[in-house]
Amino acid sequence: MFPRSYYAVLRVPEDADPAAIRHAYRTLVRRFHPDAGIGSSAQKFREVTEAYDVLSDAQRRHDHDIDLARSRAHSHVRPEPLIPNTSRHVVFRHPAFGIDQEIVRMFQMMEDIFGQIW
């Protein structure tokens, strides 16, 4: 399981200064406070509070940045390899995006120019 980005929770960039983090926190707390009425959410309120607790402390923020960097380094999704296909269409499947039509068109163009690739 990858750690949740507290920057995304507070909707601030990763290089945000403490004033921007505090401003985002106060805005979201007012919006999601359980007593606020419309749009209130206790779960979102807890998430925003937890994110601010981590990002407002310099050491905890540094640790969170390291965890995010590690998770990004290990989360590289490798696409399935190109598999020779007997049909005219070569399919490139990526787990996150489905079929990439640009790659299919590129291989079709290469087959038209150079003949059967496989």
Protein backbone atom coordinates (compact mmCIF):
# COMPACT_ATOMS: atom_id res chain seq x y z
CA MET A 1 0.00 0.00 0.00
CA PHE A 2 1.36 3.37 -0.97
CA PRO A 3 1.35 6.22 1.53
CA ARG A 4 -1.28 8.87 0.97
CA SER A 5 0.10 12.19 -0.19
CA TYR A 6 -0.79 14.76 2.42
CA TYR A 7 -0.05 17.43 -0.15
CA ALA A 8 -2.93 16.09 -2.24
CA VAL A 9 -5.20 16.05 0.81
CA LEU A 10 -4.49 19.73 1.48
CA ARG A 11 -4.44 20.51 -2.26
CA VAL A 12 -1.06 22.24 -2.17
CA PRO A 13 2.10 21.65 -4.22
CA GLU A 14 4.91 19.67 -2.63
CA ASP A 15 7.12 22.75 -2.41
CA ALA A 16 4.49 24.80 -0.57
CA ASP A 17 5.71 27.02 2.23
CA PRO A 18 4.26 26.73 5.77
CA ALA A 19 2.00 29.75 5.23
CA ALA A 20 0.38 28.17 2.17
CA ILE A 21 -0.09 24.88 4.04
CA ARG A 22 -1.68 26.69 6.99
CA HIS A 23 -3.99 28.65 4.67
CA ALA A 24 -5.08 25.48 2.84
CA TYR A 25 -5.64 23.72 6.16
CA ARG A 26 -7.81 26.50 7.57
CA THR A 27 -9.86 26.71 4.39
CA LEU A 28 -10.52 22.96 4.29
CA VAL A 29 -11.20 22.69 8.03
CA ARG A 30 -13.93 25.32 7.74
CA ARG A 31 -15.41 23.45 4.80
CA PHE A 32 -15.35 19.94 6.27
CA HIS A 33 -15.94 20.66 9.96
CA PRO A 34 -18.70 18.34 11.25
CA ASP A 35 -20.67 21.32 12.59
CA ALA A 36 -20.41 23.29 9.33
CA GLY A 37 -23.57 21.85 7.81
CA ILE A 38 -23.66 21.39 4.03
CA GLY A 39 -20.49 19.79 2.73
CA SER A 40 -19.32 18.74 6.17
CA SER A 41 -17.61 15.39 6.55
CA ALA A 42 -16.05 14.00 9.71
CA GLN A 43 -13.80 11.66 7.73
CA LYS A 44 -12.49 14.45 5.48
CA PHE A 45 -12.04 16.64 8.54
CA ARG A 46 -9.85 13.95 10.16
CA GLU A 47 -7.83 13.50 6.93
CA VAL A 48 -7.20 17.23 6.63
CA THR A 49 -6.22 17.50 10.29
CA GLU A 50 -3.85 14.53 10.02
CA ALA A 51 -2.27 15.98 6.87
CA TYR A 52 -1.71 19.34 8.56
CA ASP A 53 -0.25 17.68 11.65
CA VAL A 54 2.35 15.94 9.49
CA LEU A 55 3.15 18.82 7.12
CA SER A 56 3.36 21.47 9.83
CA ASP A 57 6.11 19.57 11.67
CA ALA A 58 9.44 19.85 9.80
CA GLN A 59 10.77 16.41 10.76
CA ARG A 60 7.51 14.60 10.06
CA ARG A 61 7.21 16.43 6.72
CA HIS A 62 10.73 15.36 5.78
CA ASP A 63 9.89 11.74 6.66
CA HIS A 64 6.68 11.95 4.63
CA ASP A 65 8.61 13.32 1.61
CA ILE A 66 11.05 10.42 1.84
CA ASP A 67 8.19 7.89 2.01
CA LEU A 68 6.55 9.46 -1.03
CA ALA A 69 9.80 9.39 -3.00
CA ARG A 70 10.36 5.73 -2.12
CA SER A 71 6.83 4.75 -3.06
CA ARG A 72 7.13 6.56 -6.39
CA ALA A 73 10.43 4.86 -7.13
CA HIS A 74 8.96 1.42 -6.47
CA SER A 75 5.55 2.02 -8.04
CA HIS A 76 6.69 2.24 -11.63
CA VAL A 77 4.11 0.26 -13.52
CA ARG A 78 5.69 -1.71 -16.29
CA PRO A 79 3.47 -2.18 -19.30
CA GLU A 80 2.81 -5.63 -20.65
CA PRO A 81 5.30 -6.52 -23.38
CA LEU A 82 4.33 -6.33 -27.01
CA ILE A 83 3.11 -9.74 -28.01
CA PRO A 84 3.32 -10.88 -31.62
CA ASN A 85 -0.16 -10.97 -33.02
CA THR A 86 -1.34 -12.82 -36.09
CA SER A 87 -3.86 -10.11 -36.86
CA ARG A 88 -2.97 -6.77 -38.41
CA HIS A 89 -3.28 -4.90 -35.12
CA VAL A 90 -0.52 -4.86 -32.53
CA VAL A 91 -1.99 -4.13 -29.13
CA PHE A 92 -0.08 -2.36 -26.38
CA ARG A 93 -1.83 -2.75 -23.06
CA HIS A 94 -0.99 -0.55 -20.15
CA PRO A 95 -2.61 -1.52 -16.82
CA ALA A 96 -3.45 2.06 -15.93
CA PHE A 97 -4.64 3.43 -19.27
CA GLY A 98 -5.94 0.54 -21.36
CA ILE A 99 -5.05 0.41 -25.03
CA ASP A 100 -2.84 3.17 -26.37
CA GLN A 101 -4.12 3.88 -29.88
CA GLU A 102 -1.09 5.96 -30.89
CA ILE A 103 1.22 2.98 -30.52
CA VAL A 104 -1.18 0.79 -32.50
CA ARG A 105 -1.17 3.36 -35.33
CA MET A 106 2.62 3.63 -35.20
CA PHE A 107 3.06 -0.11 -35.64
CA GLN A 108 0.50 -0.19 -38.43
CA MET A 109 2.43 2.55 -40.22
CA MET A 110 5.72 0.67 -39.74
CA GLU A 111 4.13 -2.49 -41.17
CA ASP A 112 2.97 -0.53 -44.20
CA ILE A 113 6.49 0.80 -44.76
CA PHE A 114 8.68 -2.18 -43.83
CA GLY A 115 6.29 -5.11 -44.11
CA GLN A 116 5.47 -7.59 -41.37
CA ILE A 117 7.43 -6.71 -38.22
CA TRP A 118 7.09 -10.00 -36.45
